[in-house]
Amino acid sequence: MSAECETEFSKDDPMFDGHFPGDPLVPGVILTEALAQTAGIAAHPENSKTRFLLSAIRQMKFLRPVRPGEKIILRAKKLGEVDQLLQFEVEAVVDSRPVVTGQLVLSAR
């Protein structure tokens, strides 16, 4: 199971008011959440009402800052599953270059 999504954050988004004035960056926690949501899309069985929660963040690396207005490609690929836990390899890409890589674990509810 895998999924690919894309997003972009406007420079007018209020999160940039304090992160950082004069040098806006997309916060790492926002990029991680976007990747978790992409993994949730990859994990979601057709016509299922299963919910997934982020349970673990593993080996997350932020390779370069992401700026407002940049188109971000988000990818998640399922690596394995044990009981209700699903592990994904994730990456965010800007201009064909990885900007975030890592692994996330989701739990089914």
C-alpha atoms as a PDB file:
ATOM      1  CA  MET A   1       0.000   0.000   0.000  1.00  0.00           C
ATOM      2  CA  SER A   2       1.259   3.442  -0.857  1.00  0.00           C
ATOM      3  CA  ALA A   3      -0.024   6.955  -1.453  1.00  0.00           C
ATOM      4  CA  GLU A   4       1.227  10.180  -2.962  1.00  0.00           C
ATOM      5  CA  CYS A   5      -0.264  13.574  -2.151  1.00  0.00           C
ATOM      6  CA  GLU A   6       0.757  17.168  -2.670  1.00  0.00           C
ATOM      7  CA  THR A   7       0.318  20.362  -0.725  1.00  0.00           C
ATOM      8  CA  GLU A   8       1.520  23.922  -0.593  1.00  0.00           C
ATOM      9  CA  PHE A   9       1.377  26.463   2.217  1.00  0.00           C
ATOM     10  CA  SER A  10       0.542  30.087   1.478  1.00  0.00           C
ATOM     11  CA  LYS A  11       2.876  32.756   2.820  1.00  0.00           C
ATOM     12  CA  ASP A  12      -0.260  34.312   4.364  1.00  0.00           C
ATOM     13  CA  ASP A  13      -0.842  31.288   6.622  1.00  0.00           C
ATOM     14  CA  PRO A  14      -0.849  32.505  10.262  1.00  0.00           C
ATOM     15  CA  MET A  15       1.645  29.809  11.318  1.00  0.00           C
ATOM     16  CA  PHE A  16       4.378  31.808   9.582  1.00  0.00           C
ATOM     17  CA  ASP A  17       3.828  34.838  11.819  1.00  0.00           C
ATOM     18  CA  GLY A  18       6.039  33.292  14.466  1.00  0.00           C
ATOM     19  CA  HIS A  19       7.981  30.673  12.482  1.00  0.00           C
ATOM     20  CA  PHE A  20      10.102  32.718  11.775  1.00  0.00           C
ATOM     21  CA  PRO A  21       9.504  36.457  11.208  1.00  0.00           C
ATOM     22  CA  GLY A  22      11.456  37.534   8.139  1.00  0.00           C
ATOM     23  CA  ASP A  23      12.558  33.950   7.393  1.00  0.00           C
ATOM     24  CA  PRO A  24       9.395  31.779   7.226  1.00  0.00           C
ATOM     25  CA  LEU A  25       9.756  27.984   7.401  1.00  0.00           C
ATOM     26  CA  VAL A  26       7.124  25.263   7.340  1.00  0.00           C
ATOM     27  CA  PRO A  27       7.370  23.746  10.849  1.00  0.00           C
ATOM     28  CA  GLY A  28       8.684  20.191  11.011  1.00  0.00           C
ATOM     29  CA  VAL A  29       5.655  19.111  13.041  1.00  0.00           C
ATOM     30  CA  ILE A  30       3.373  20.282  10.207  1.00  0.00           C
ATOM     31  CA  LEU A  31       5.402  18.320   7.639  1.00  0.00           C
ATOM     32  CA  THR A  32       5.300  15.256   9.900  1.00  0.00           C
ATOM     33  CA  GLU A  33       1.521  15.561  10.286  1.00  0.00           C
ATOM     34  CA  ALA A  34       1.095  15.882   6.506  1.00  0.00           C
ATOM     35  CA  LEU A  35       3.158  12.710   6.058  1.00  0.00           C
ATOM     36  CA  ALA A  36       1.089  10.909   8.725  1.00  0.00           C
ATOM     37  CA  GLN A  37      -2.096  11.887   6.895  1.00  0.00           C
ATOM     38  CA  THR A  38      -0.597  10.574   3.645  1.00  0.00           C
ATOM     39  CA  ALA A  39       0.212   7.280   5.411  1.00  0.00           C
ATOM     40  CA  GLY A  40      -3.381   7.204   6.672  1.00  0.00           C
ATOM     41  CA  ILE A  41      -4.616   7.492   3.096  1.00  0.00           C
ATOM     42  CA  ALA A  42      -2.329   4.620   2.066  1.00  0.00           C
ATOM     43  CA  ALA A  43      -3.522   2.512   5.015  1.00  0.00           C
ATOM     44  CA  HIS A  44      -7.226   3.107   4.617  1.00  0.00           C
ATOM     45  CA  PRO A  45      -9.027   0.057   3.211  1.00  0.00           C
ATOM     46  CA  GLU A  46     -11.701   0.816   0.618  1.00  0.00           C
ATOM     47  CA  ASN A  47     -15.104   1.632   2.145  1.00  0.00           C
ATOM     48  CA  SER A  48     -13.761   1.185   5.685  1.00  0.00           C
ATOM     49  CA  LYS A  49     -14.498   3.356   8.694  1.00  0.00           C
ATOM     50  CA  THR A  50     -11.176   2.435  10.340  1.00  0.00           C
ATOM     51  CA  ARG A  51      -9.408   5.390  11.926  1.00  0.00           C
ATOM     52  CA  PHE A  52      -5.644   5.635  12.234  1.00  0.00           C
ATOM     53  CA  LEU A  53      -3.657   7.504  14.863  1.00  0.00           C
ATOM     54  CA  LEU A  54       0.000   8.456  14.743  1.00  0.00           C
ATOM     55  CA  SER A  55       1.730   6.184  17.280  1.00  0.00           C
ATOM     56  CA  ALA A  56       5.458   6.585  16.597  1.00  0.00           C
ATOM     57  CA  ILE A  57       7.912   8.724  14.682  1.00  0.00           C
ATOM     58  CA  ARG A  58      11.118   6.935  13.732  1.00  0.00           C
ATOM     59  CA  GLN A  59      14.293   8.150  12.065  1.00  0.00           C
ATOM     60  CA  MET A  60      12.728  11.415  10.866  1.00  0.00           C
ATOM     61  CA  LYS A  61      15.325  13.602   9.132  1.00  0.00           C
ATOM     62  CA  PHE A  62      14.788  17.155   7.932  1.00  0.00           C
ATOM     63  CA  LEU A  63      17.220  17.638   5.062  1.00  0.00           C
ATOM     64  CA  ARG A  64      16.487  21.261   4.208  1.00  0.00           C
ATOM     65  CA  PRO A  65      13.964  23.965   5.149  1.00  0.00           C
ATOM     66  CA  VAL A  66      10.645  24.111   3.314  1.00  0.00           C
ATOM     67  CA  ARG A  67       9.408  27.604   2.505  1.00  0.00           C
ATOM     68  CA  PRO A  68       5.878  28.922   1.959  1.00  0.00           C
ATOM     69  CA  GLY A  69       4.772  28.638  -1.656  1.00  0.00           C
ATOM     70  CA  GLU A  70       6.848  25.544  -2.427  1.00  0.00           C
ATOM     71  CA  LYS A  71       4.915  22.570  -3.816  1.00  0.00           C
ATOM     72  CA  ILE A  72       5.516  19.591  -1.523  1.00  0.00           C
ATOM     73  CA  ILE A  73       5.040  16.024  -2.748  1.00  0.00           C
ATOM     74  CA  LEU A  74       4.241  13.665   0.145  1.00  0.00           C
ATOM     75  CA  ARG A  75       4.797   9.913  -0.181  1.00  0.00           C
ATOM     76  CA  ALA A  76       4.072   7.002   2.136  1.00  0.00           C
ATOM     77  CA  LYS A  77       4.772   3.312   1.517  1.00  0.00           C
ATOM     78  CA  LYS A  78       3.704   0.554   3.892  1.00  0.00           C
ATOM     79  CA  LEU A  79       6.640  -1.492   5.200  1.00  0.00           C
ATOM     80  CA  GLY A  80       4.826  -3.892   7.491  1.00  0.00           C
ATOM     81  CA  GLU A  81       1.992  -4.604   9.875  1.00  0.00           C
ATOM     82  CA  VAL A  82       1.768  -6.259  13.305  1.00  0.00           C
ATOM     83  CA  ASP A  83      -1.667  -6.540  14.890  1.00  0.00           C
ATOM     84  CA  GLN A  84      -3.118  -2.999  14.774  1.00  0.00           C
ATOM     85  CA  LEU A  85       0.220  -1.258  14.027  1.00  0.00           C
ATOM     86  CA  LEU A  86       1.237  -0.267  10.502  1.00  0.00           C
ATOM     87  CA  GLN A  87       4.741   0.995   9.706  1.00  0.00           C
ATOM     88  CA  PHE A  88       5.403   3.335   6.766  1.00  0.00           C
ATOM     89  CA  GLU A  89       8.424   4.744   5.027  1.00  0.00           C
ATOM     90  CA  VAL A  90       7.663   8.399   4.286  1.00  0.00           C
ATOM     91  CA  GLU A  91       9.250  11.251   2.395  1.00  0.00           C
ATOM     92  CA  ALA A  92       8.481  14.806   1.412  1.00  0.00           C
ATOM     93  CA  VAL A  93       9.976  16.105  -1.832  1.00  0.00           C
ATOM     94  CA  VAL A  94      10.379  19.640  -3.196  1.00  0.00           C
ATOM     95  CA  ASP A  95      11.727  20.223  -6.713  1.00  0.00           C
ATOM     96  CA  SER A  96      12.487  16.490  -7.091  1.00  0.00           C
ATOM     97  CA  ARG A  97      14.729  16.542  -3.988  1.00  0.00           C
ATOM     98  CA  PRO A  98      13.888  14.926  -0.639  1.00  0.00           C
ATOM     99  CA  VAL A  99      13.396  17.449   2.165  1.00  0.00           C
ATOM    100  CA  VAL A 100      12.101  15.046   4.851  1.00  0.00           C
ATOM    101  CA  THR A 101      12.581  11.286   5.184  1.00  0.00           C
ATOM    102  CA  GLY A 102      11.694   8.822   7.900  1.00  0.00           C
ATOM    103  CA  GLN A 103       9.327   6.191   9.221  1.00  0.00           C
ATOM    104  CA  LEU A 104       5.965   6.541  10.924  1.00  0.00           C
ATOM    105  CA  VAL A 105       3.821   4.025  12.761  1.00  0.00           C
ATOM    106  CA  LEU A 106       0.033   4.294  12.724  1.00  0.00           C
ATOM    107  CA  SER A 107      -2.333   2.383  14.953  1.00  0.00           C
ATOM    108  CA  ALA A 108      -5.764   1.293  13.741  1.00  0.00           C
ATOM    109  CA  ARG A 109      -8.733   2.232  15.943  1.00  0.00           C
END
